[in-house]
N, C-alpha and C. Protein backbone atom coordinates (compact mmCIF):
# COMPACT_ATOMS: atom_id res chain seq x y z
N MET A 1 96.49 -71.98 17.99
CA MET A 1 95.64 -71.36 18.99
C MET A 1 96.48 -71.00 20.21
N LEU A 2 96.08 -69.97 20.89
CA LEU A 2 96.75 -69.53 22.10
C LEU A 2 95.93 -70.04 23.28
N THR A 3 96.58 -70.70 24.22
CA THR A 3 95.84 -71.26 25.35
C THR A 3 96.44 -70.81 26.67
N GLY A 4 95.57 -70.75 27.67
CA GLY A 4 95.96 -70.45 29.03
C GLY A 4 95.47 -71.55 29.94
N ASP A 5 95.25 -71.23 31.20
CA ASP A 5 94.73 -72.21 32.15
C ASP A 5 93.24 -72.44 31.96
N LEU A 6 92.52 -71.39 31.52
CA LEU A 6 91.06 -71.47 31.40
C LEU A 6 90.54 -71.22 30.00
N VAL A 7 91.34 -70.52 29.17
CA VAL A 7 90.82 -70.07 27.88
C VAL A 7 91.69 -70.50 26.71
N ARG A 8 91.04 -70.45 25.56
CA ARG A 8 91.70 -70.62 24.27
C ARG A 8 91.32 -69.40 23.45
N LEU A 9 92.32 -68.76 22.83
CA LEU A 9 92.06 -67.62 21.96
C LEU A 9 92.18 -68.10 20.52
N ARG A 10 91.21 -67.71 19.71
CA ARG A 10 91.17 -68.15 18.32
C ARG A 10 90.71 -67.02 17.43
N PRO A 11 91.05 -67.07 16.14
CA PRO A 11 90.58 -66.04 15.22
C PRO A 11 89.05 -65.98 15.22
N LEU A 12 88.52 -64.79 15.08
CA LEU A 12 87.07 -64.62 14.97
C LEU A 12 86.60 -65.06 13.59
N GLU A 13 85.40 -65.58 13.54
CA GLU A 13 84.79 -66.07 12.31
C GLU A 13 83.56 -65.23 11.98
N PRO A 14 83.16 -65.18 10.72
CA PRO A 14 81.91 -64.49 10.38
C PRO A 14 80.71 -65.00 11.18
N SER A 15 80.73 -66.28 11.53
CA SER A 15 79.61 -66.85 12.32
C SER A 15 79.55 -66.29 13.74
N ASP A 16 80.59 -65.58 14.20
CA ASP A 16 80.59 -64.97 15.53
C ASP A 16 79.82 -63.65 15.56
N ALA A 17 79.43 -63.15 14.40
CA ALA A 17 78.79 -61.83 14.32
C ALA A 17 77.51 -61.75 15.15
N GLU A 18 76.69 -62.78 15.11
CA GLU A 18 75.42 -62.72 15.84
C GLU A 18 75.64 -62.64 17.34
N THR A 19 76.60 -63.38 17.86
CA THR A 19 76.92 -63.31 19.28
C THR A 19 77.40 -61.92 19.66
N MET A 20 78.29 -61.35 18.85
CA MET A 20 78.80 -60.00 19.13
C MET A 20 77.67 -58.98 19.06
N TRP A 21 76.76 -59.14 18.12
CA TRP A 21 75.62 -58.24 17.99
C TRP A 21 74.77 -58.28 19.26
N ARG A 22 74.51 -59.48 19.79
CA ARG A 22 73.75 -59.62 21.04
C ARG A 22 74.46 -58.89 22.18
N TRP A 23 75.78 -59.09 22.29
CA TRP A 23 76.53 -58.41 23.36
C TRP A 23 76.48 -56.90 23.18
N ASN A 24 76.59 -56.42 21.95
CA ASN A 24 76.55 -54.98 21.68
C ASN A 24 75.22 -54.36 22.10
N ASN A 25 74.16 -55.16 22.13
CA ASN A 25 72.84 -54.65 22.46
C ASN A 25 72.41 -54.97 23.89
N ASP A 26 73.31 -55.47 24.70
CA ASP A 26 73.02 -55.74 26.11
C ASP A 26 73.61 -54.61 26.95
N PRO A 27 72.78 -53.78 27.57
CA PRO A 27 73.29 -52.63 28.32
C PRO A 27 74.23 -53.00 29.46
N GLU A 28 74.02 -54.15 30.08
CA GLU A 28 74.89 -54.55 31.19
C GLU A 28 76.30 -54.89 30.68
N ILE A 29 76.39 -55.56 29.55
CA ILE A 29 77.69 -55.92 28.98
C ILE A 29 78.42 -54.67 28.49
N GLY A 30 77.70 -53.77 27.87
CA GLY A 30 78.32 -52.58 27.30
C GLY A 30 78.41 -51.38 28.23
N ARG A 31 78.06 -51.56 29.49
CA ARG A 31 77.99 -50.44 30.43
C ARG A 31 79.24 -49.57 30.42
N TRP A 32 80.42 -50.16 30.47
CA TRP A 32 81.66 -49.39 30.58
C TRP A 32 82.46 -49.34 29.29
N MET A 33 81.80 -49.63 28.17
CA MET A 33 82.49 -49.65 26.89
C MET A 33 82.01 -48.52 26.01
N PHE A 34 82.89 -48.06 25.13
CA PHE A 34 82.48 -47.11 24.10
C PHE A 34 81.62 -47.87 23.11
N ARG A 35 80.40 -47.45 22.94
CA ARG A 35 79.46 -48.21 22.14
C ARG A 35 79.46 -47.83 20.67
N GLY A 36 79.76 -46.60 20.35
CA GLY A 36 79.64 -46.16 18.98
C GLY A 36 78.18 -46.07 18.60
N TYR A 37 77.93 -46.06 17.31
CA TYR A 37 76.56 -45.97 16.82
C TYR A 37 75.96 -47.36 16.68
N PRO A 38 74.65 -47.49 16.88
CA PRO A 38 74.01 -48.81 16.76
C PRO A 38 74.23 -49.40 15.37
N GLU A 39 74.41 -50.73 15.35
CA GLU A 39 74.57 -51.47 14.10
C GLU A 39 73.53 -52.58 14.05
N SER A 40 73.03 -52.83 12.87
CA SER A 40 72.12 -53.96 12.68
C SER A 40 72.93 -55.25 12.64
N LEU A 41 72.24 -56.36 12.78
CA LEU A 41 72.89 -57.66 12.65
C LEU A 41 73.51 -57.79 11.25
N ALA A 42 72.83 -57.30 10.24
CA ALA A 42 73.36 -57.37 8.87
C ALA A 42 74.66 -56.57 8.75
N GLN A 43 74.72 -55.40 9.38
CA GLN A 43 75.93 -54.58 9.32
C GLN A 43 77.10 -55.27 10.02
N ILE A 44 76.85 -55.84 11.19
CA ILE A 44 77.92 -56.52 11.92
C ILE A 44 78.36 -57.77 11.16
N THR A 45 77.41 -58.49 10.58
CA THR A 45 77.74 -59.68 9.80
C THR A 45 78.63 -59.30 8.62
N GLU A 46 78.30 -58.22 7.95
CA GLU A 46 79.11 -57.75 6.82
C GLU A 46 80.51 -57.34 7.29
N ARG A 47 80.57 -56.65 8.43
CA ARG A 47 81.87 -56.23 8.96
C ARG A 47 82.72 -57.44 9.34
N PHE A 48 82.10 -58.44 9.95
CA PHE A 48 82.85 -59.64 10.34
C PHE A 48 83.32 -60.43 9.12
N ALA A 49 82.53 -60.44 8.06
CA ALA A 49 82.94 -61.14 6.84
C ALA A 49 84.16 -60.47 6.22
N ALA A 50 84.34 -59.18 6.50
CA ALA A 50 85.45 -58.41 5.90
C ALA A 50 86.55 -58.09 6.92
N LEU A 51 86.58 -58.80 8.05
CA LEU A 51 87.63 -58.52 9.04
C LEU A 51 89.00 -58.67 8.39
N PRO A 52 89.89 -57.73 8.65
CA PRO A 52 91.24 -57.89 8.09
C PRO A 52 91.95 -59.06 8.73
N ARG A 53 92.90 -59.57 8.03
CA ARG A 53 93.72 -60.67 8.53
C ARG A 53 94.47 -60.21 9.78
N ASN A 54 94.55 -61.07 10.79
CA ASN A 54 95.33 -60.73 11.97
C ASN A 54 96.78 -60.52 11.56
N ALA A 55 97.36 -59.44 12.07
CA ALA A 55 98.73 -59.06 11.72
C ALA A 55 99.32 -58.28 12.88
N TYR A 56 100.54 -57.84 12.71
CA TYR A 56 101.23 -57.12 13.78
C TYR A 56 100.44 -55.89 14.23
N ALA A 57 99.93 -55.11 13.31
CA ALA A 57 99.24 -53.86 13.66
C ALA A 57 97.92 -54.10 14.39
N GLY A 58 97.32 -55.26 14.18
CA GLY A 58 96.04 -55.55 14.82
C GLY A 58 95.73 -57.02 14.87
N THR A 59 95.51 -57.54 16.05
CA THR A 59 95.15 -58.93 16.25
C THR A 59 93.87 -58.96 17.07
N PHE A 60 92.80 -59.51 16.50
CA PHE A 60 91.48 -59.54 17.11
C PHE A 60 91.07 -61.00 17.23
N LEU A 61 90.88 -61.48 18.47
CA LEU A 61 90.65 -62.90 18.71
C LEU A 61 89.40 -63.14 19.56
N GLY A 62 88.80 -64.30 19.34
CA GLY A 62 87.70 -64.73 20.18
C GLY A 62 88.23 -65.49 21.38
N VAL A 63 87.46 -65.45 22.47
CA VAL A 63 87.82 -66.14 23.71
C VAL A 63 86.84 -67.29 23.92
N GLU A 64 87.37 -68.50 24.10
CA GLU A 64 86.56 -69.67 24.40
C GLU A 64 87.09 -70.34 25.67
N PRO A 65 86.20 -70.93 26.48
CA PRO A 65 86.68 -71.74 27.60
C PRO A 65 87.40 -72.97 27.04
N LEU A 66 88.46 -73.38 27.69
CA LEU A 66 89.16 -74.60 27.25
C LEU A 66 88.18 -75.76 27.18
N GLY A 67 88.28 -76.53 26.13
CA GLY A 67 87.44 -77.72 25.98
C GLY A 67 86.05 -77.45 25.45
N GLU A 68 85.71 -76.18 25.19
CA GLU A 68 84.38 -75.86 24.67
C GLU A 68 84.53 -75.04 23.39
N GLN A 69 83.58 -75.16 22.52
CA GLN A 69 83.54 -74.32 21.32
C GLN A 69 82.40 -73.33 21.51
N ARG A 70 82.61 -72.41 22.45
CA ARG A 70 81.60 -71.42 22.81
C ARG A 70 82.29 -70.07 22.97
N LEU A 71 81.92 -69.11 22.15
CA LEU A 71 82.50 -67.78 22.23
C LEU A 71 81.98 -67.10 23.49
N ILE A 72 82.90 -66.68 24.37
CA ILE A 72 82.50 -65.98 25.60
C ILE A 72 83.05 -64.55 25.65
N GLY A 73 83.89 -64.21 24.70
CA GLY A 73 84.46 -62.87 24.72
C GLY A 73 85.35 -62.61 23.52
N SER A 74 85.95 -61.42 23.55
CA SER A 74 86.90 -61.05 22.50
C SER A 74 88.02 -60.23 23.12
N VAL A 75 89.17 -60.29 22.47
CA VAL A 75 90.34 -59.55 22.94
C VAL A 75 91.10 -59.07 21.72
N ARG A 76 91.69 -57.89 21.86
CA ARG A 76 92.39 -57.32 20.71
C ARG A 76 93.65 -56.60 21.18
N LEU A 77 94.73 -56.82 20.44
CA LEU A 77 95.91 -55.96 20.52
C LEU A 77 95.86 -55.12 19.25
N ARG A 78 95.83 -53.81 19.41
CA ARG A 78 95.67 -52.93 18.25
C ARG A 78 96.70 -51.81 18.28
N ASP A 79 96.84 -51.19 17.13
CA ASP A 79 97.74 -50.04 16.97
C ASP A 79 99.18 -50.37 17.37
N ALA A 80 99.59 -51.61 17.13
CA ALA A 80 100.97 -52.00 17.43
C ALA A 80 101.90 -51.40 16.38
N ALA A 81 103.05 -50.97 16.84
CA ALA A 81 104.03 -50.38 15.93
C ALA A 81 105.42 -50.87 16.32
N PRO A 82 106.15 -51.47 15.38
CA PRO A 82 107.49 -51.96 15.72
C PRO A 82 108.43 -50.83 16.14
N GLU A 83 108.18 -49.62 15.66
CA GLU A 83 109.05 -48.50 16.03
C GLU A 83 108.96 -48.16 17.51
N THR A 84 107.79 -48.38 18.11
CA THR A 84 107.61 -48.07 19.53
C THR A 84 107.57 -49.31 20.40
N GLY A 85 107.36 -50.47 19.80
CA GLY A 85 107.23 -51.70 20.58
C GLY A 85 106.04 -51.68 21.51
N ALA A 86 104.99 -50.97 21.11
CA ALA A 86 103.83 -50.79 21.98
C ALA A 86 102.54 -51.16 21.25
N ALA A 87 101.53 -51.54 22.02
CA ALA A 87 100.19 -51.84 21.49
C ALA A 87 99.16 -51.49 22.56
N GLU A 88 97.90 -51.38 22.12
CA GLU A 88 96.77 -51.12 23.01
C GLU A 88 95.96 -52.40 23.15
N LEU A 89 95.44 -52.64 24.34
CA LEU A 89 94.66 -53.84 24.64
C LEU A 89 93.19 -53.49 24.82
N ASP A 90 92.31 -54.26 24.19
CA ASP A 90 90.86 -54.17 24.40
C ASP A 90 90.38 -55.56 24.80
N LEU A 91 89.49 -55.62 25.79
CA LEU A 91 88.97 -56.91 26.27
C LEU A 91 87.49 -56.79 26.54
N ARG A 92 86.77 -57.85 26.19
CA ARG A 92 85.36 -57.95 26.58
C ARG A 92 85.04 -59.42 26.83
N ILE A 93 84.54 -59.70 28.00
CA ILE A 93 83.93 -61.00 28.27
C ILE A 93 82.43 -60.74 28.19
N GLY A 94 81.83 -61.18 27.11
CA GLY A 94 80.44 -60.86 26.84
C GLY A 94 79.45 -61.85 27.42
N ASP A 95 79.90 -63.05 27.72
CA ASP A 95 79.01 -64.07 28.29
C ASP A 95 79.03 -63.91 29.81
N LYS A 96 77.93 -63.42 30.36
CA LYS A 96 77.87 -63.09 31.80
C LYS A 96 78.04 -64.32 32.70
N ASP A 97 77.80 -65.52 32.17
CA ASP A 97 78.01 -66.74 32.97
C ASP A 97 79.49 -66.92 33.33
N TYR A 98 80.38 -66.21 32.64
CA TYR A 98 81.82 -66.36 32.85
C TYR A 98 82.43 -65.16 33.57
N TRP A 99 81.62 -64.24 34.02
CA TRP A 99 82.11 -63.08 34.77
C TRP A 99 82.53 -63.51 36.18
N GLY A 100 83.61 -62.95 36.66
CA GLY A 100 84.05 -63.17 38.03
C GLY A 100 84.60 -64.56 38.31
N ARG A 101 85.00 -65.28 37.27
CA ARG A 101 85.47 -66.66 37.44
C ARG A 101 86.90 -66.86 36.95
N GLY A 102 87.61 -65.77 36.65
CA GLY A 102 89.01 -65.86 36.25
C GLY A 102 89.26 -65.90 34.76
N TYR A 103 88.22 -65.93 33.95
CA TYR A 103 88.40 -66.02 32.50
C TYR A 103 89.01 -64.74 31.92
N ALA A 104 88.60 -63.59 32.43
CA ALA A 104 89.16 -62.32 31.94
C ALA A 104 90.64 -62.22 32.28
N THR A 105 91.01 -62.57 33.51
CA THR A 105 92.41 -62.50 33.93
C THR A 105 93.27 -63.44 33.09
N ASP A 106 92.78 -64.65 32.87
CA ASP A 106 93.55 -65.61 32.06
C ASP A 106 93.68 -65.10 30.63
N THR A 107 92.62 -64.51 30.09
CA THR A 107 92.68 -63.95 28.73
C THR A 107 93.73 -62.87 28.64
N VAL A 108 93.76 -61.96 29.61
CA VAL A 108 94.75 -60.88 29.61
C VAL A 108 96.16 -61.47 29.64
N ARG A 109 96.38 -62.46 30.48
CA ARG A 109 97.71 -63.06 30.58
C ARG A 109 98.12 -63.73 29.27
N VAL A 110 97.20 -64.43 28.63
CA VAL A 110 97.52 -65.13 27.38
C VAL A 110 97.84 -64.14 26.28
N ILE A 111 97.01 -63.12 26.10
CA ILE A 111 97.25 -62.17 25.00
C ILE A 111 98.50 -61.34 25.26
N CYS A 112 98.77 -61.00 26.52
CA CYS A 112 99.99 -60.22 26.81
C CYS A 112 101.24 -61.07 26.62
N ARG A 113 101.18 -62.33 27.00
CA ARG A 113 102.31 -63.23 26.77
C ARG A 113 102.60 -63.34 25.27
N PHE A 114 101.53 -63.45 24.48
CA PHE A 114 101.68 -63.47 23.02
C PHE A 114 102.32 -62.17 22.54
N GLY A 115 101.83 -61.05 23.04
CA GLY A 115 102.37 -59.75 22.63
C GLY A 115 103.85 -59.61 22.94
N PHE A 116 104.24 -60.02 24.12
CA PHE A 116 105.65 -59.88 24.51
C PHE A 116 106.54 -60.93 23.84
N ASP A 117 106.10 -62.17 23.83
CA ASP A 117 106.95 -63.25 23.31
C ASP A 117 106.97 -63.33 21.79
N GLU A 118 105.80 -63.24 21.16
CA GLU A 118 105.72 -63.45 19.71
C GLU A 118 105.81 -62.15 18.91
N MET A 119 105.20 -61.10 19.42
CA MET A 119 105.22 -59.83 18.69
C MET A 119 106.42 -58.96 19.08
N ARG A 120 107.12 -59.37 20.12
CA ARG A 120 108.29 -58.65 20.63
C ARG A 120 107.94 -57.22 21.06
N LEU A 121 106.74 -57.09 21.66
CA LEU A 121 106.35 -55.80 22.22
C LEU A 121 107.15 -55.52 23.49
N HIS A 122 107.28 -54.28 23.82
CA HIS A 122 107.90 -53.88 25.08
C HIS A 122 106.85 -53.34 26.06
N ARG A 123 105.75 -52.82 25.51
CA ARG A 123 104.74 -52.18 26.34
C ARG A 123 103.35 -52.46 25.79
N ILE A 124 102.41 -52.75 26.70
CA ILE A 124 101.00 -52.89 26.35
C ILE A 124 100.22 -51.94 27.26
N ALA A 125 99.37 -51.13 26.67
CA ALA A 125 98.61 -50.14 27.43
C ALA A 125 97.12 -50.34 27.21
N LEU A 126 96.33 -49.74 28.07
CA LEU A 126 94.88 -49.77 27.96
C LEU A 126 94.30 -48.60 28.72
N THR A 127 93.04 -48.30 28.45
CA THR A 127 92.31 -47.35 29.28
C THR A 127 91.08 -48.06 29.81
N VAL A 128 90.72 -47.72 31.04
CA VAL A 128 89.57 -48.34 31.70
C VAL A 128 88.84 -47.25 32.48
N VAL A 129 87.52 -47.33 32.51
CA VAL A 129 86.74 -46.37 33.28
C VAL A 129 87.09 -46.56 34.76
N ALA A 130 87.38 -45.46 35.43
CA ALA A 130 87.82 -45.51 36.82
C ALA A 130 86.82 -46.24 37.72
N ASP A 131 85.53 -46.10 37.44
CA ASP A 131 84.51 -46.74 38.27
C ASP A 131 84.29 -48.21 37.94
N ASN A 132 84.98 -48.75 36.95
CA ASN A 132 84.84 -50.16 36.59
C ASN A 132 85.83 -50.99 37.41
N GLU A 133 85.51 -51.14 38.68
CA GLU A 133 86.40 -51.84 39.61
C GLU A 133 86.72 -53.28 39.20
N PRO A 134 85.74 -54.08 38.75
CA PRO A 134 86.09 -55.45 38.35
C PRO A 134 87.16 -55.50 37.26
N ALA A 135 87.04 -54.64 36.25
CA ALA A 135 88.03 -54.63 35.17
C ALA A 135 89.39 -54.17 35.70
N ARG A 136 89.40 -53.16 36.52
CA ARG A 136 90.68 -52.69 37.07
C ARG A 136 91.38 -53.79 37.87
N ARG A 137 90.62 -54.57 38.62
CA ARG A 137 91.21 -55.69 39.39
C ARG A 137 91.82 -56.74 38.45
N VAL A 138 91.13 -57.03 37.35
CA VAL A 138 91.65 -57.99 36.37
C VAL A 138 93.01 -57.53 35.88
N TYR A 139 93.09 -56.27 35.46
CA TYR A 139 94.34 -55.75 34.90
C TYR A 139 95.44 -55.70 35.95
N GLU A 140 95.10 -55.31 37.16
CA GLU A 140 96.11 -55.26 38.23
C GLU A 140 96.65 -56.65 38.56
N LYS A 141 95.78 -57.67 38.56
CA LYS A 141 96.23 -59.05 38.81
C LYS A 141 97.26 -59.50 37.79
N ALA A 142 97.12 -59.03 36.55
CA ALA A 142 98.05 -59.40 35.49
C ALA A 142 99.33 -58.57 35.53
N GLY A 143 99.36 -57.51 36.36
CA GLY A 143 100.57 -56.71 36.50
C GLY A 143 100.48 -55.29 35.96
N PHE A 144 99.35 -54.91 35.36
CA PHE A 144 99.18 -53.54 34.87
C PHE A 144 99.20 -52.56 36.05
N VAL A 145 99.79 -51.40 35.81
CA VAL A 145 99.81 -50.35 36.84
C VAL A 145 99.17 -49.08 36.25
N ALA A 146 98.53 -48.32 37.14
CA ALA A 146 97.93 -47.04 36.72
C ALA A 146 99.05 -46.06 36.43
N GLU A 147 98.96 -45.41 35.28
CA GLU A 147 99.98 -44.45 34.86
C GLU A 147 99.45 -43.04 34.70
N GLY A 148 98.14 -42.89 34.67
CA GLY A 148 97.57 -41.56 34.52
C GLY A 148 96.06 -41.60 34.54
N ARG A 149 95.49 -40.43 34.57
CA ARG A 149 94.03 -40.29 34.65
C ARG A 149 93.57 -39.20 33.70
N GLN A 150 92.55 -39.51 32.92
CA GLN A 150 91.88 -38.51 32.10
C GLN A 150 90.57 -38.18 32.80
N ARG A 151 90.42 -36.94 33.16
CA ARG A 151 89.25 -36.56 33.94
C ARG A 151 88.01 -36.38 33.07
N GLU A 152 86.91 -36.92 33.56
CA GLU A 152 85.57 -36.73 32.99
C GLU A 152 85.55 -36.79 31.47
N CYS A 153 85.99 -37.90 30.93
CA CYS A 153 86.02 -38.04 29.46
C CYS A 153 85.13 -39.17 28.95
N PHE A 154 84.38 -39.80 29.85
CA PHE A 154 83.49 -40.90 29.46
C PHE A 154 82.13 -40.64 30.11
N ARG A 155 81.09 -40.58 29.32
CA ARG A 155 79.76 -40.28 29.85
C ARG A 155 78.87 -41.52 29.81
N ARG A 156 78.27 -41.80 30.95
CA ARG A 156 77.35 -42.92 31.04
C ARG A 156 76.32 -42.61 32.12
N ASP A 157 75.08 -42.91 31.84
CA ASP A 157 73.98 -42.72 32.80
C ASP A 157 73.89 -41.28 33.30
N GLY A 158 74.14 -40.33 32.39
CA GLY A 158 74.02 -38.92 32.75
C GLY A 158 75.14 -38.38 33.62
N LYS A 159 76.22 -39.13 33.76
CA LYS A 159 77.32 -38.71 34.62
C LYS A 159 78.65 -38.87 33.88
N TRP A 160 79.57 -37.95 34.12
CA TRP A 160 80.91 -38.04 33.53
C TRP A 160 81.81 -38.87 34.44
N HIS A 161 82.64 -39.72 33.82
CA HIS A 161 83.56 -40.60 34.55
C HIS A 161 84.98 -40.37 34.06
N ASP A 162 85.93 -40.58 34.97
CA ASP A 162 87.34 -40.52 34.62
C ASP A 162 87.77 -41.83 33.96
N MET A 163 88.81 -41.75 33.15
CA MET A 163 89.44 -42.93 32.57
C MET A 163 90.84 -43.06 33.17
N ILE A 164 91.24 -44.29 33.44
CA ILE A 164 92.57 -44.58 33.96
C ILE A 164 93.40 -45.19 32.84
N LEU A 165 94.58 -44.62 32.60
CA LEU A 165 95.53 -45.21 31.66
C LEU A 165 96.38 -46.19 32.46
N MET A 166 96.45 -47.43 31.98
CA MET A 166 97.25 -48.46 32.64
C MET A 166 98.27 -49.00 31.65
N GLY A 167 99.41 -49.42 32.17
CA GLY A 167 100.45 -49.97 31.31
C GLY A 167 101.11 -51.17 31.92
N LEU A 168 101.65 -52.00 31.06
CA LEU A 168 102.38 -53.20 31.45
C LEU A 168 103.62 -53.28 30.57
N LEU A 169 104.78 -53.39 31.19
CA LEU A 169 106.02 -53.49 30.45
C LEU A 169 106.46 -54.96 30.38
N GLU A 170 107.22 -55.25 29.35
CA GLU A 170 107.81 -56.57 29.21
C GLU A 170 108.51 -56.94 30.51
N GLY A 171 108.28 -58.12 31.02
CA GLY A 171 108.89 -58.57 32.26
C GLY A 171 108.04 -58.33 33.49
N GLU A 172 106.92 -57.58 33.35
CA GLU A 172 106.05 -57.30 34.50
C GLU A 172 104.82 -58.18 34.56
N LEU A 173 104.59 -59.00 33.54
CA LEU A 173 103.39 -59.84 33.49
C LEU A 173 103.41 -60.85 34.64
N ARG A 174 102.29 -60.90 35.35
CA ARG A 174 102.14 -61.87 36.47
C ARG A 174 101.13 -62.93 36.11
């Protein structure tokens, strides 16, 4: 298991499907995320039962508070390629009781440390909705810097929003 000051990252289990389904159907949790098409609990359960094994190209982990066996979020390093030494980061803290308490920042630090130390990545990138200030602060605390902007490419609540491309290089993690 991967541990930080506040969190433990562990492989996702088929039994986590119901929690993820609840988060997927909560508009507040999914406000700044790409939602895709609605899925039933049965569809998510089936998808979780068939999750590929964590590997270099994709590592998808559950987030738990240290000392508890309670799923509060998920984090993923995806599209990693040894030829480029790069991967993309996705993060969701789905349990609102843990918002604004440092769990997201600790999760980012733990997964990035794993990416740099164990996967030998050189760069980790992500995109975040420009108006999602809490998420941007989390990434900046960990050392991510804004590298570019995609204008009006995310639609929510009848309005178009910009996306910010952020990156973190090996040696920049704080």
